Amino acid sequence: MPIYEYVCSSCDTKFEMIRSMSKANEGAECPHCKHEAERALSTFACFSSDESGMTTAVAGGGHSCASCASGNCATCAS
């Protein structure tokens, strides 16, 4: 079963849940305050090496934020 990420709008707690795909769009109870939490957009990171062996991180298959003009996420201010 997939792991889904959730964010509670009441206390801003972020948590993960393993649940079936049929329940993917349902809200989840926050483990901290017990209020309803909404599913969050998940991102992932992948790493690649160039010819010199330098490793770079690429978030979500591209830049993690549209406002970042840098080629390196370490220099991004957000």
C-alpha atoms as a PDB file:
ATOM      1  CA  MET A   1       0.000   0.000   0.000  1.00  0.00           C
ATOM      2  CA  PRO A   2       1.219   3.555  -0.691  1.00  0.00           C
ATOM      3  CA  ILE A   3       2.355   6.065   1.907  1.00  0.00           C
ATOM      4  CA  TYR A   4       0.494   9.391   1.825  1.00  0.00           C
ATOM      5  CA  GLU A   5       1.500  12.657   3.497  1.00  0.00           C
ATOM      6  CA  TYR A   6      -0.958  14.850   5.395  1.00  0.00           C
ATOM      7  CA  VAL A   7      -0.882  18.308   7.009  1.00  0.00           C
ATOM      8  CA  CYS A   8      -3.226  19.368   9.793  1.00  0.00           C
ATOM      9  CA  SER A   9      -4.656  22.836   9.196  1.00  0.00           C
ATOM     10  CA  SER A  10      -5.374  23.205  12.908  1.00  0.00           C
ATOM     11  CA  CYS A  11      -1.935  22.528  14.445  1.00  0.00           C
ATOM     12  CA  ASP A  12       0.265  22.335  11.295  1.00  0.00           C
ATOM     13  CA  THR A  13       1.457  18.805  12.163  1.00  0.00           C
ATOM     14  CA  LYS A  14       2.825  16.863   9.177  1.00  0.00           C
ATOM     15  CA  PHE A  15       2.463  13.084   9.203  1.00  0.00           C
ATOM     16  CA  GLU A  16       2.354  10.038   6.930  1.00  0.00           C
ATOM     17  CA  MET A  17      -0.168   7.223   6.650  1.00  0.00           C
ATOM     18  CA  ILE A  18      -0.116   3.904   4.850  1.00  0.00           C
ATOM     19  CA  ARG A  19      -3.534   3.411   3.291  1.00  0.00           C
ATOM     20  CA  SER A  20      -5.153   1.909   0.239  1.00  0.00           C
ATOM     21  CA  MET A  21      -5.370   3.907  -2.981  1.00  0.00           C
ATOM     22  CA  SER A  22      -9.160   3.915  -2.699  1.00  0.00           C
ATOM     23  CA  LYS A  23      -8.830   6.073   0.441  1.00  0.00           C
ATOM     24  CA  ALA A  24      -6.127   8.369  -0.962  1.00  0.00           C
ATOM     25  CA  ASN A  25      -8.323  11.464  -1.225  1.00  0.00           C
ATOM     26  CA  GLU A  26     -10.053  11.045   2.131  1.00  0.00           C
ATOM     27  CA  GLY A  27      -8.979  13.225   5.029  1.00  0.00           C
ATOM     28  CA  ALA A  28      -7.130  11.740   7.974  1.00  0.00           C
ATOM     29  CA  GLU A  29      -7.240  12.349  11.700  1.00  0.00           C
ATOM     30  CA  CYS A  30      -4.250  14.295  13.006  1.00  0.00           C
ATOM     31  CA  PRO A  31      -2.355  12.170  15.540  1.00  0.00           C
ATOM     32  CA  HIS A  32      -1.497  15.305  17.557  1.00  0.00           C
ATOM     33  CA  CYS A  33      -4.770  17.253  17.921  1.00  0.00           C
ATOM     34  CA  LYS A  34      -7.292  14.780  16.407  1.00  0.00           C
ATOM     35  CA  HIS A  35      -8.644  17.360  13.891  1.00  0.00           C
ATOM     36  CA  GLU A  36      -9.174  16.546  10.218  1.00  0.00           C
ATOM     37  CA  ALA A  37      -5.981  16.813   8.118  1.00  0.00           C
ATOM     38  CA  GLU A  38      -5.731  17.238   4.352  1.00  0.00           C
ATOM     39  CA  ARG A  39      -3.497  15.251   2.041  1.00  0.00           C
ATOM     40  CA  ALA A  40      -0.322  17.114   1.071  1.00  0.00           C
ATOM     41  CA  LEU A  41       1.532  17.074  -2.223  1.00  0.00           C
ATOM     42  CA  SER A  42       4.465  14.702  -1.864  1.00  0.00           C
ATOM     43  CA  THR A  43       7.850  15.377  -3.410  1.00  0.00           C
ATOM     44  CA  PHE A  44      10.861  13.179  -3.828  1.00  0.00           C
ATOM     45  CA  ALA A  45      14.558  13.697  -4.393  1.00  0.00           C
ATOM     46  CA  CYS A  46      16.869  11.897  -6.737  1.00  0.00           C
ATOM     47  CA  PHE A  47      20.614  12.187  -7.007  1.00  0.00           C
ATOM     48  CA  SER A  48      22.849  11.984 -10.046  1.00  0.00           C
ATOM     49  CA  SER A  49      26.579  12.185 -10.695  1.00  0.00           C
ATOM     50  CA  ASP A  50      28.282  13.965 -13.561  1.00  0.00           C
ATOM     51  CA  GLU A  51      31.434  12.820 -15.380  1.00  0.00           C
ATOM     52  CA  SER A  52      33.682  14.265 -12.639  1.00  0.00           C
ATOM     53  CA  GLY A  53      31.859  12.345  -9.915  1.00  0.00           C
ATOM     54  CA  MET A  54      30.127  15.416  -8.441  1.00  0.00           C
ATOM     55  CA  THR A  55      26.782  14.420  -6.946  1.00  0.00           C
ATOM     56  CA  THR A  56      23.831  16.778  -7.282  1.00  0.00           C
ATOM     57  CA  ALA A  57      20.345  16.510  -5.832  1.00  0.00           C
ATOM     58  CA  VAL A  58      17.362  17.059  -8.082  1.00  0.00           C
ATOM     59  CA  ALA A  59      14.064  17.417  -6.209  1.00  0.00           C
ATOM     60  CA  GLY A  60      11.021  15.932  -7.901  1.00  0.00           C
ATOM     61  CA  GLY A  61      12.842  15.454 -11.167  1.00  0.00           C
ATOM     62  CA  GLY A  62      13.437  19.218 -11.498  1.00  0.00           C
ATOM     63  CA  HIS A  63      13.861  22.321  -9.377  1.00  0.00           C
ATOM     64  CA  SER A  64      11.943  22.242  -6.111  1.00  0.00           C
ATOM     65  CA  CYS A  65      10.649  25.780  -6.576  1.00  0.00           C
ATOM     66  CA  ALA A  66       9.806  27.688  -9.714  1.00  0.00           C
ATOM     67  CA  SER A  67      11.401  30.901  -8.425  1.00  0.00           C
ATOM     68  CA  CYS A  68      14.856  29.317  -8.077  1.00  0.00           C
ATOM     69  CA  ALA A  69      17.101  30.182 -11.014  1.00  0.00           C
ATOM     70  CA  SER A  70      20.047  28.326  -9.532  1.00  0.00           C
ATOM     71  CA  GLY A  71      21.103  24.911 -10.741  1.00  0.00           C
ATOM     72  CA  ASN A  72      21.829  23.888  -7.159  1.00  0.00           C
ATOM     73  CA  CYS A  73      19.142  23.487  -4.488  1.00  0.00           C
ATOM     74  CA  ALA A  74      21.692  24.220  -1.760  1.00  0.00           C
ATOM     75  CA  THR A  75      21.710  27.885  -2.859  1.00  0.00           C
ATOM     76  CA  CYS A  76      17.920  28.235  -2.861  1.00  0.00           C
ATOM     77  CA  ALA A  77      16.655  30.536  -0.124  1.00  0.00           C
ATOM     78  CA  SER A  78      13.254  28.871   0.278  1.00  0.00           C
END
